PDB file of N, CA and C in Angstrom:
ATOM      1  N   MET A   1       4.819 -15.979  -0.766  1.00  0.00           N
ATOM      2  CA  MET A   1       3.992 -15.184  -1.631  1.00  0.00           C
ATOM      3  C   MET A   1       4.200 -13.718  -1.274  1.00  0.00           C
ATOM      4  N   CYS A   2       4.259 -12.874  -2.273  1.00  0.00           N
ATOM      5  CA  CYS A   2       4.374 -11.439  -2.050  1.00  0.00           C
ATOM      6  C   CYS A   2       3.181 -10.751  -2.698  1.00  0.00           C
ATOM      7  N   LEU A   3       2.594  -9.845  -1.964  1.00  0.00           N
ATOM      8  CA  LEU A   3       1.451  -9.094  -2.470  1.00  0.00           C
ATOM      9  C   LEU A   3       1.760  -7.615  -2.453  1.00  0.00           C
ATOM     10  N   GLY A   4       1.153  -6.895  -3.367  1.00  0.00           N
ATOM     11  CA  GLY A   4       1.168  -5.446  -3.287  1.00  0.00           C
ATOM     12  C   GLY A   4       0.067  -5.032  -2.328  1.00  0.00           C
ATOM     13  N   VAL A   5       0.267  -3.899  -1.663  1.00  0.00           N
ATOM     14  CA  VAL A   5      -0.717  -3.402  -0.709  1.00  0.00           C
ATOM     15  C   VAL A   5      -1.165  -2.014  -1.166  1.00  0.00           C
ATOM     16  N   PRO A   6      -2.484  -1.786  -1.270  1.00  0.00           N
ATOM     17  CA  PRO A   6      -2.963  -0.479  -1.701  1.00  0.00           C
ATOM     18  C   PRO A   6      -2.873   0.554  -0.586  1.00  0.00           C
ATOM     19  N   GLY A   7      -2.623   1.792  -0.982  1.00  0.00           N
ATOM     20  CA  GLY A   7      -2.588   2.883  -0.020  1.00  0.00           C
ATOM     21  C   GLY A   7      -2.908   4.195  -0.700  1.00  0.00           C
ATOM     22  N   ARG A   8      -3.282   5.196   0.121  1.00  0.00           N
ATOM     23  CA  ARG A   8      -3.649   6.529  -0.394  1.00  0.00           C
ATOM     24  C   ARG A   8      -2.460   7.468  -0.253  1.00  0.00           C
ATOM     25  N   VAL A   9      -2.106   8.141  -1.347  1.00  0.00           N
ATOM     26  CA  VAL A   9      -0.987   9.072  -1.363  1.00  0.00           C
ATOM     27  C   VAL A   9      -1.369  10.321  -0.565  1.00  0.00           C
ATOM     28  N   VAL A  10      -0.515  10.655   0.411  1.00  0.00           N
ATOM     29  CA  VAL A  10      -0.733  11.836   1.242  1.00  0.00           C
ATOM     30  C   VAL A  10       0.018  13.033   0.661  1.00  0.00           C
ATOM     31  N   ARG A  11       1.287  12.819   0.283  1.00  0.00           N
ATOM     32  CA  ARG A  11       2.064  13.884  -0.350  1.00  0.00           C
ATOM     33  C   ARG A  11       3.161  13.259  -1.208  1.00  0.00           C
ATOM     34  N   VAL A  12       3.657  14.073  -2.147  1.00  0.00           N
ATOM     35  CA  VAL A  12       4.692  13.628  -3.075  1.00  0.00           C
ATOM     36  C   VAL A  12       5.793  14.672  -3.086  1.00  0.00           C
ATOM     37  N   GLU A  13       7.047  14.191  -2.993  1.00  0.00           N
ATOM     38  CA  GLU A  13       8.183  15.107  -3.041  1.00  0.00           C
ATOM     39  C   GLU A  13       9.423  14.357  -3.505  1.00  0.00           C
ATOM     40  N   ASP A  14      10.057  14.868  -4.547  1.00  0.00           N
ATOM     41  CA  ASP A  14      11.335  14.333  -5.032  1.00  0.00           C
ATOM     42  C   ASP A  14      11.321  12.825  -5.277  1.00  0.00           C
ATOM     43  N   GLY A  15      10.310  12.329  -5.973  1.00  0.00           N
ATOM     44  CA  GLY A  15      10.266  10.917  -6.326  1.00  0.00           C
ATOM     45  C   GLY A  15       9.878   9.981  -5.203  1.00  0.00           C
ATOM     46  N   VAL A  16       9.402  10.544  -4.089  1.00  0.00           N
ATOM     47  CA  VAL A  16       8.971   9.740  -2.941  1.00  0.00           C
ATOM     48  C   VAL A  16       7.586  10.226  -2.517  1.00  0.00           C
ATOM     49  N   ALA A  17       6.694   9.272  -2.246  1.00  0.00           N
ATOM     50  CA  ALA A  17       5.356   9.625  -1.753  1.00  0.00           C
ATOM     51  C   ALA A  17       5.215   9.143  -0.323  1.00  0.00           C
ATOM     52  N   VAL A  18       4.533   9.924   0.479  1.00  0.00           N
ATOM     53  CA  VAL A  18       4.090   9.447   1.785  1.00  0.00           C
ATOM     54  C   VAL A  18       2.712   8.865   1.539  1.00  0.00           C
ATOM     55  N   VAL A  19       2.549   7.589   1.900  1.00  0.00           N
ATOM     56  CA  VAL A  19       1.323   6.856   1.593  1.00  0.00           C
ATOM     57  C   VAL A  19       0.708   6.327   2.882  1.00  0.00           C
ATOM     58  N   ASP A  20      -0.596   6.434   2.992  1.00  0.00           N
ATOM     59  CA  ASP A  20      -1.325   5.959   4.168  1.00  0.00           C
ATOM     60  C   ASP A  20      -1.879   4.568   3.888  1.00  0.00           C
ATOM     61  N   PHE A  21      -1.477   3.597   4.716  1.00  0.00           N
ATOM     62  CA  PHE A  21      -1.954   2.225   4.639  1.00  0.00           C
ATOM     63  C   PHE A  21      -2.749   1.935   5.904  1.00  0.00           C
ATOM     64  N   TRP A  22      -4.048   2.113   5.870  1.00  0.00           N
ATOM     65  CA  TRP A  22      -4.929   1.848   7.011  1.00  0.00           C
ATOM     66  C   TRP A  22      -4.401   2.502   8.287  1.00  0.00           C
ATOM     67  N   GLY A  23      -4.035   3.775   8.183  1.00  0.00           N
ATOM     68  CA  GLY A  23      -3.598   4.523   9.352  1.00  0.00           C
ATOM     69  C   GLY A  23      -2.104   4.521   9.596  1.00  0.00           C
ATOM     70  N   VAL A  24      -1.353   3.726   8.863  1.00  0.00           N
ATOM     71  CA  VAL A  24       0.107   3.710   8.974  1.00  0.00           C
ATOM     72  C   VAL A  24       0.660   4.440   7.759  1.00  0.00           C
ATOM     73  N   GLN A  25       1.477   5.467   7.999  1.00  0.00           N
ATOM     74  CA  GLN A  25       2.064   6.194   6.887  1.00  0.00           C
ATOM     75  C   GLN A  25       3.490   5.716   6.657  1.00  0.00           C
ATOM     76  N   ARG A  26       3.817   5.560   5.374  1.00  0.00           N
ATOM     77  CA  ARG A  26       5.131   5.053   5.004  1.00  0.00           C
ATOM     78  C   ARG A  26       5.583   5.756   3.734  1.00  0.00           C
ATOM     79  N   GLU A  27       6.886   5.979   3.629  1.00  0.00           N
ATOM     80  CA  GLU A  27       7.438   6.535   2.401  1.00  0.00           C
ATOM     81  C   GLU A  27       7.573   5.423   1.363  1.00  0.00           C
ATOM     82  N   VAL A  28       7.182   5.744   0.130  1.00  0.00           N
ATOM     83  CA  VAL A  28       7.192   4.781  -0.961  1.00  0.00           C
ATOM     84  C   VAL A  28       7.865   5.448  -2.164  1.00  0.00           C
ATOM     85  N   ARG A  29       8.795   4.737  -2.785  1.00  0.00           N
ATOM     86  CA  ARG A  29       9.490   5.250  -3.969  1.00  0.00           C
ATOM     87  C   ARG A  29       8.546   5.227  -5.174  1.00  0.00           C
ATOM     88  N   LEU A  30       8.745   6.199  -6.071  1.00  0.00           N
ATOM     89  CA  LEU A  30       7.883   6.319  -7.246  1.00  0.00           C
ATOM     90  C   LEU A  30       8.625   6.026  -8.544  1.00  0.00           C
ATOM     91  N   ASP A  31       9.800   5.419  -8.461  1.00  0.00           N
ATOM     92  CA  ASP A  31      10.646   5.181  -9.631  1.00  0.00           C
ATOM     93  C   ASP A  31      10.005   4.300 -10.702  1.00  0.00           C
ATOM     94  N   VAL A  32       9.195   3.333 -10.297  1.00  0.00           N
ATOM     95  CA  VAL A  32       8.690   2.356 -11.268  1.00  0.00           C
ATOM     96  C   VAL A  32       7.174   2.401 -11.479  1.00  0.00           C
ATOM     97  N   VAL A  33       6.479   3.336 -10.848  1.00  0.00           N
ATOM     98  CA  VAL A  33       5.029   3.411 -10.995  1.00  0.00           C
ATOM     99  C   VAL A  33       4.668   3.683 -12.460  1.00  0.00           C
ATOM    100  N   ASP A  34       3.540   3.138 -12.899  1.00  0.00           N
ATOM    101  CA  ASP A  34       3.170   3.181 -14.304  1.00  0.00           C
ATOM    102  C   ASP A  34       2.693   4.537 -14.821  1.00  0.00           C
ATOM    103  N   GLU A  35       2.336   5.454 -13.929  1.00  0.00           N
ATOM    104  CA  GLU A  35       1.924   6.797 -14.341  1.00  0.00           C
ATOM    105  C   GLU A  35       2.066   7.752 -13.156  1.00  0.00           C
ATOM    106  N   PRO A  36       2.062   9.064 -13.414  1.00  0.00           N
ATOM    107  CA  PRO A  36       2.237  10.030 -12.315  1.00  0.00           C
ATOM    108  C   PRO A  36       1.152   9.883 -11.247  1.00  0.00           C
ATOM    109  N   VAL A  37       1.539  10.159  -9.997  1.00  0.00           N
ATOM    110  CA  VAL A  37       0.593  10.124  -8.888  1.00  0.00           C
ATOM    111  C   VAL A  37       0.594  11.465  -8.178  1.00  0.00           C
ATOM    112  N   ALA A  38      -0.509  11.761  -7.532  1.00  0.00           N
ATOM    113  CA  ALA A  38      -0.680  13.011  -6.802  1.00  0.00           C
ATOM    114  C   ALA A  38      -1.385  12.704  -5.488  1.00  0.00           C
ATOM    115  N   PRO A  39      -1.319  13.624  -4.526  1.00  0.00           N
ATOM    116  CA  PRO A  39      -2.050  13.414  -3.278  1.00  0.00           C
ATOM    117  C   PRO A  39      -3.514  13.087  -3.557  1.00  0.00           C
ATOM    118  N   GLY A  40      -4.022  12.079  -2.834  1.00  0.00           N
ATOM    119  CA  GLY A  40      -5.394  11.623  -3.015  1.00  0.00           C
ATOM    120  C   GLY A  40      -5.504  10.400  -3.909  1.00  0.00           C
ATOM    121  N   ASP A  41      -4.476  10.158  -4.752  1.00  0.00           N
ATOM    122  CA  ASP A  41      -4.472   8.956  -5.584  1.00  0.00           C
ATOM    123  C   ASP A  41      -4.206   7.737  -4.713  1.00  0.00           C
ATOM    124  N   TYR A  42      -4.571   6.578  -5.212  1.00  0.00           N
ATOM    125  CA  TYR A  42      -4.250   5.310  -4.569  1.00  0.00           C
ATOM    126  C   TYR A  42      -3.224   4.581  -5.426  1.00  0.00           C
ATOM    127  N   ILE A  43      -2.243   3.970  -4.751  1.00  0.00           N
ATOM    128  CA  ILE A  43      -1.214   3.210  -5.452  1.00  0.00           C
ATOM    129  C   ILE A  43      -1.171   1.795  -4.893  1.00  0.00           C
ATOM    130  N   LEU A  44      -0.538   0.916  -5.648  1.00  0.00           N
ATOM    131  CA  LEU A  44      -0.267  -0.434  -5.183  1.00  0.00           C
ATOM    132  C   LEU A  44       1.214  -0.482  -4.847  1.00  0.00           C
ATOM    133  N   ASN A  45       1.530  -0.745  -3.573  1.00  0.00           N
ATOM    134  CA  ASN A  45       2.906  -0.759  -3.073  1.00  0.00           C
ATOM    135  C   ASN A  45       3.423  -2.191  -3.009  1.00  0.00           C
ATOM    136  N   HIS A  46       4.644  -2.375  -3.474  1.00  0.00           N
ATOM    137  CA  HIS A  46       5.312  -3.666  -3.333  1.00  0.00           C
ATOM    138  C   HIS A  46       6.747  -3.393  -2.913  1.00  0.00           C
ATOM    139  N   VAL A  47       7.139  -3.901  -1.764  1.00  0.00           N
ATOM    140  CA  VAL A  47       8.473  -3.754  -1.175  1.00  0.00           C
ATOM    141  C   VAL A  47       9.015  -2.326  -1.250  1.00  0.00           C
ATOM    142  N   GLY A  48       8.159  -1.361  -0.917  1.00  0.00           N
ATOM    143  CA  GLY A  48       8.587   0.029  -0.840  1.00  0.00           C
ATOM    144  C   GLY A  48       8.542   0.808  -2.137  1.00  0.00           C
ATOM    145  N   PHE A  49       8.016   0.202  -3.197  1.00  0.00           N
ATOM    146  CA  PHE A  49       7.892   0.875  -4.486  1.00  0.00           C
ATOM    147  C   PHE A  49       6.440   0.875  -4.930  1.00  0.00           C
ATOM    148  N   ALA A  50       5.980   2.028  -5.401  1.00  0.00           N
ATOM    149  CA  ALA A  50       4.657   2.094  -6.018  1.00  0.00           C
ATOM    150  C   ALA A  50       4.791   1.455  -7.390  1.00  0.00           C
ATOM    151  N   ILE A  51       4.035   0.392  -7.644  1.00  0.00           N
ATOM    152  CA  ILE A  51       4.156  -0.304  -8.925  1.00  0.00           C
ATOM    153  C   ILE A  51       2.987   0.001  -9.860  1.00  0.00           C
ATOM    154  N   ARG A  52       1.948   0.626  -9.309  1.00  0.00           N
ATOM    155  CA  ARG A  52       0.766   0.901 -10.137  1.00  0.00           C
ATOM    156  C   ARG A  52      -0.090   1.948  -9.452  1.00  0.00           C
ATOM    157  N   ARG A  53      -0.583   2.913 -10.237  1.00  0.00           N
ATOM    158  CA  ARG A  53      -1.607   3.822  -9.711  1.00  0.00           C
ATOM    159  C   ARG A  53      -2.930   3.117  -9.947  1.00  0.00           C
ATOM    160  N   ILE A  54      -3.730   2.999  -8.895  1.00  0.00           N
ATOM    161  CA  ILE A  54      -5.012   2.299  -9.009  1.00  0.00           C
ATOM    162  C   ILE A  54      -6.035   3.273  -9.604  1.00  0.00           C
ATOM    163  N   PRO A  55      -6.641   2.914 -10.728  1.00  0.00           N
ATOM    164  CA  PRO A  55      -7.650   3.792 -11.332  1.00  0.00           C
ATOM    165  C   PRO A  55      -8.811   4.038 -10.359  1.00  0.00           C
ATOM    166  N   ALA A  56      -9.355   5.247 -10.408  1.00  0.00           N
ATOM    167  CA  ALA A  56     -10.442   5.631  -9.501  1.00  0.00           C
ATOM    168  C   ALA A  56     -11.594   4.634  -9.536  1.00  0.00           C
ATOM    169  N   ALA A  57     -11.888   4.088 -10.706  1.00  0.00           N
ATOM    170  CA  ALA A  57     -13.006   3.138 -10.839  1.00  0.00           C
ATOM    171  C   ALA A  57     -12.750   1.822 -10.111  1.00  0.00           C
ATOM    172  N   GLU A  58     -11.491   1.525  -9.771  1.00  0.00           N
ATOM    173  CA  GLU A  58     -11.141   0.263  -9.127  1.00  0.00           C
ATOM    174  C   GLU A  58     -10.857   0.385  -7.629  1.00  0.00           C
ATOM    175  N   ILE A  59     -10.805   1.586  -7.109  1.00  0.00           N
ATOM    176  CA  ILE A  59     -10.388   1.781  -5.717  1.00  0.00           C
ATOM    177  C   ILE A  59     -11.339   1.094  -4.738  1.00  0.00           C
ATOM    178  N   GLY A  60     -12.627   1.301  -4.875  1.00  0.00           N
ATOM    179  CA  GLY A  60     -13.598   0.710  -3.951  1.00  0.00           C
ATOM    180  C   GLY A  60     -13.505  -0.800  -3.903  1.00  0.00           C
ATOM    181  N   GLU A  61     -13.452  -1.425  -5.060  1.00  0.00           N
ATOM    182  CA  GLU A  61     -13.374  -2.887  -5.134  1.00  0.00           C
ATOM    183  C   GLU A  61     -12.047  -3.396  -4.555  1.00  0.00           C
ATOM    184  N   THR A  62     -10.951  -2.696  -4.869  1.00  0.00           N
ATOM    185  CA  THR A  62      -9.631  -3.108  -4.370  1.00  0.00           C
ATOM    186  C   THR A  62      -9.573  -3.014  -2.850  1.00  0.00           C
ATOM    187  N   LEU A  63     -10.018  -1.892  -2.290  1.00  0.00           N
ATOM    188  CA  LEU A  63      -9.983  -1.732  -0.832  1.00  0.00           C
ATOM    189  C   LEU A  63     -10.898  -2.733  -0.143  1.00  0.00           C
ATOM    190  N   SER A  64     -12.042  -3.010  -0.729  1.00  0.00           N
ATOM    191  CA  SER A  64     -12.966  -3.994  -0.161  1.00  0.00           C
ATOM    192  C   SER A  64     -12.315  -5.371  -0.106  1.00  0.00           C
ATOM    193  N   LEU A  65     -11.624  -5.752  -1.162  1.00  0.00           N
ATOM    194  CA  LEU A  65     -10.936  -7.041  -1.192  1.00  0.00           C
ATOM    195  C   LEU A  65      -9.893  -7.130  -0.078  1.00  0.00           C
ATOM    196  N   TYR A  66      -9.088  -6.090   0.077  1.00  0.00           N
ATOM    197  CA  TYR A  66      -8.050  -6.115   1.111  1.00  0.00           C
ATOM    198  C   TYR A  66      -8.642  -6.068   2.512  1.00  0.00           C
ATOM    199  N   GLU A  67      -9.732  -5.335   2.702  1.00  0.00           N
ATOM    200  CA  GLU A  67     -10.374  -5.313   4.019  1.00  0.00           C
ATOM    201  C   GLU A  67     -10.915  -6.696   4.363  1.00  0.00           C
ATOM    202  N   THR A  68     -11.420  -7.410   3.358  1.00  0.00           N
ATOM    203  CA  THR A  68     -11.872  -8.782   3.581  1.00  0.00           C
ATOM    204  C   THR A  68     -10.702  -9.662   3.991  1.00  0.00           C
ATOM    205  N   LEU A  69      -9.574  -9.496   3.321  1.00  0.00           N
ATOM    206  CA  LEU A  69      -8.375 -10.270   3.678  1.00  0.00           C
ATOM    207  C   LEU A  69      -7.929  -9.968   5.106  1.00  0.00           C
ATOM    208  N   LEU A  70      -7.910  -8.687   5.460  1.00  0.00           N
ATOM    209  CA  LEU A  70      -7.453  -8.291   6.797  1.00  0.00           C
ATOM    210  C   LEU A  70      -8.390  -8.783   7.890  1.00  0.00           C
ATOM    211  N   ALA A  71      -9.666  -8.923   7.557  1.00  0.00           N
ATOM    212  CA  ALA A  71     -10.646  -9.365   8.547  1.00  0.00           C
ATOM    213  C   ALA A  71     -10.664 -10.881   8.712  1.00  0.00           C
ATOM    214  N   ALA A  72      -9.949 -11.593   7.852  1.00  0.00           N
ATOM    215  CA  ALA A  72      -9.940 -13.056   7.935  1.00  0.00           C
ATOM    216  C   ALA A  72      -9.454 -13.487   9.314  1.00  0.00           C
ATOM    217  N   ALA A  73     -10.270 -14.229   9.998  1.00  0.00           N
ATOM    218  CA  ALA A  73      -9.970 -14.601  11.382  1.00  0.00           C
ATOM    219  C   ALA A  73      -8.940 -15.715  11.492  1.00  0.00           C
ATOM    220  N   ALA A  74      -8.907 -16.590  10.529  1.00  0.00           N
ATOM    221  CA  ALA A  74      -8.043 -17.764  10.633  1.00  0.00           C
ATOM    222  C   ALA A  74      -6.595 -17.397  10.348  1.00  0.00           C
ATOM    223  N   GLN A  75      -5.698 -17.674  11.283  1.00  0.00           N
ATOM    224  CA  GLN A  75      -4.282 -17.395  11.101  1.00  0.00           C
ATOM    225  C   GLN A  75      -3.674 -18.243   9.986  1.00  0.00           C
ATOM    226  N   GLU A  76      -4.269 -19.381   9.687  1.00  0.00           N
ATOM    227  CA  GLU A  76      -3.720 -20.214   8.632  1.00  0.00           C
ATOM    228  C   GLU A  76      -4.051 -19.677   7.242  1.00  0.00           C
ATOM    229  N   ASP A  77      -4.798 -18.580   7.157  1.00  0.00           N
ATOM    230  CA  ASP A  77      -5.072 -17.932   5.883  1.00  0.00           C
ATOM    231  C   ASP A  77      -3.797 -17.211   5.457  1.00  0.00           C
ATOM    232  N   LEU A  78      -3.029 -17.819   4.567  1.00  0.00           N
ATOM    233  CA  LEU A  78      -1.715 -17.302   4.199  1.00  0.00           C
ATOM    234  C   LEU A  78      -1.777 -15.943   3.519  1.00  0.00           C
ATOM    235  N   MET A  79      -2.795 -15.711   2.701  1.00  0.00           N
ATOM    236  CA  MET A  79      -2.896 -14.426   2.028  1.00  0.00           C
ATOM    237  C   MET A  79      -3.157 -13.314   3.039  1.00  0.00           C
ATOM    238  N   ALA A  80      -4.069 -13.542   3.983  1.00  0.00           N
ATOM    239  CA  ALA A  80      -4.354 -12.548   5.013  1.00  0.00           C
ATOM    240  C   ALA A  80      -3.116 -12.308   5.874  1.00  0.00           C
ATOM    241  N   ALA A  81      -2.400 -13.368   6.207  1.00  0.00           N
ATOM    242  CA  ALA A  81      -1.185 -13.229   7.015  1.00  0.00           C
ATOM    243  C   ALA A  81      -0.133 -12.409   6.276  1.00  0.00           C
ATOM    244  N   ASP A  82      -0.025 -12.583   4.952  1.00  0.00           N
ATOM    245  CA  ASP A  82       0.950 -11.826   4.177  1.00  0.00           C
ATOM    246  C   ASP A  82       0.598 -10.344   4.166  1.00  0.00           C
ATOM    247  N   VAL A  83      -0.684 -10.023   3.979  1.00  0.00           N
ATOM    248  CA  VAL A  83      -1.108  -8.621   3.991  1.00  0.00           C
ATOM    249  C   VAL A  83      -0.860  -8.017   5.368  1.00  0.00           C
ATOM    250  N   ARG A  84      -1.210  -8.753   6.435  1.00  0.00           N
ATOM    251  CA  ARG A  84      -0.961  -8.258   7.793  1.00  0.00           C
ATOM    252  C   ARG A  84       0.522  -7.984   8.014  1.00  0.00           C
ATOM    253  N   SER A  85       1.388  -8.880   7.556  1.00  0.00           N
ATOM    254  CA  SER A  85       2.824  -8.698   7.768  1.00  0.00           C
ATOM    255  C   SER A  85       3.349  -7.490   6.999  1.00  0.00           C
ATOM    256  N   GLU A  86       2.808  -7.223   5.803  1.00  0.00           N
ATOM    257  CA  GLU A  86       3.204  -6.032   5.047  1.00  0.00           C
ATOM    258  C   GLU A  86       2.843  -4.765   5.820  1.00  0.00           C
ATOM    259  N   ILE A  87       1.643  -4.727   6.386  1.00  0.00           N
ATOM    260  CA  ILE A  87       1.200  -3.546   7.125  1.00  0.00           C
ATOM    261  C   ILE A  87       2.007  -3.399   8.418  1.00  0.00           C
ATOM    262  N   GLU A  88       2.277  -4.504   9.109  1.00  0.00           N
ATOM    263  CA  GLU A  88       3.090  -4.446  10.327  1.00  0.00           C
ATOM    264  C   GLU A  88       4.499  -3.969  10.009  1.00  0.00           C
ATOM    265  N   ALA A  89       5.077  -4.426   8.907  1.00  0.00           N
ATOM    266  CA  ALA A  89       6.419  -3.985   8.508  1.00  0.00           C
ATOM    267  C   ALA A  89       6.422  -2.493   8.206  1.00  0.00           C
ATOM    268  N   ALA A  90       5.340  -1.999   7.616  1.00  0.00           N
ATOM    269  CA  ALA A  90       5.244  -0.569   7.339  1.00  0.00           C
ATOM    270  C   ALA A  90       5.265   0.210   8.637  1.00  0.00           C
ATOM    271  N   GLY A  91       4.609  -0.294   9.659  1.00  0.00           N
ATOM    272  CA  GLY A  91       4.582   0.384  10.946  1.00  0.00           C
ATOM    273  C   GLY A  91       5.947   0.431  11.610  1.00  0.00           C
ATOM    274  N   LYS A  92       6.743  -0.615  11.409  1.00  0.00           N
ATOM    275  CA  LYS A  92       8.084  -0.675  12.016  1.00  0.00           C
ATOM    276  C   LYS A  92       9.048   0.281  11.340  1.00  0.00           C
ATOM    277  N   THR A  93       8.820   0.593  10.049  1.00  0.00           N
ATOM    278  CA  THR A  93       9.714   1.497   9.334  1.00  0.00           C
ATOM    279  C   THR A  93       9.104   2.886   9.182  1.00  0.00           C
ATOM    280  N   GLN A  94       8.012   3.147   9.862  1.00  0.00           N
ATOM    281  CA  GLN A  94       7.319   4.420   9.737  1.00  0.00           C
ATOM    282  C   GLN A  94       8.277   5.569  10.007  1.00  0.00           C
ATOM    283  N   GLY A  95       8.244   6.553   9.135  1.00  0.00           N
ATOM    284  CA  GLY A  95       9.058   7.737   9.316  1.00  0.00           C
ATOM    285  C   GLY A  95      10.436   7.624   8.676  1.00  0.00           C
ATOM    286  N   GLY A  96      10.838   6.447   8.237  1.00  0.00           N
ATOM    287  CA  GLY A  96      12.146   6.303   7.601  1.00  0.00           C
ATOM    288  C   GLY A  96      12.004   5.733   6.228  1.00  0.00           C
ATOM    289  N   ARG A  97      12.924   6.096   5.366  1.00  0.00           N
ATOM    290  CA  ARG A  97      12.904   5.542   4.013  1.00  0.00           C
ATOM    291  C   ARG A  97      13.387   4.123   4.045  1.00  0.00           C
ATOM    292  N   SER A  98      12.733   3.292   3.238  1.00  0.00           N
ATOM    293  CA  SER A  98      13.175   1.908   3.157  1.00  0.00           C
ATOM    294  C   SER A  98      13.344   1.478   1.741  1.00  0.00           C
TER     295      SER A  98
END
């Protein structure tokens, strides 16, 4: 299963955004995002590409859902494990384009 992970845009330059995912910053391509993004916006990241700008009205609910997933204690929770692995992968590639 592959999930998109929400993050807050820190800066945008030349079709690439630096996005903060729970304290881990990663460069994300903006080639396929559905509308323009700016610092402070939230996007949904999938395999290094912003695929959607999250509307302001949905940010609270979206982040709450992901925080619930991340807090899931059971390792057999496949959805929580997938989100954790996405965030861990972001940390391993921090500072480099992927």
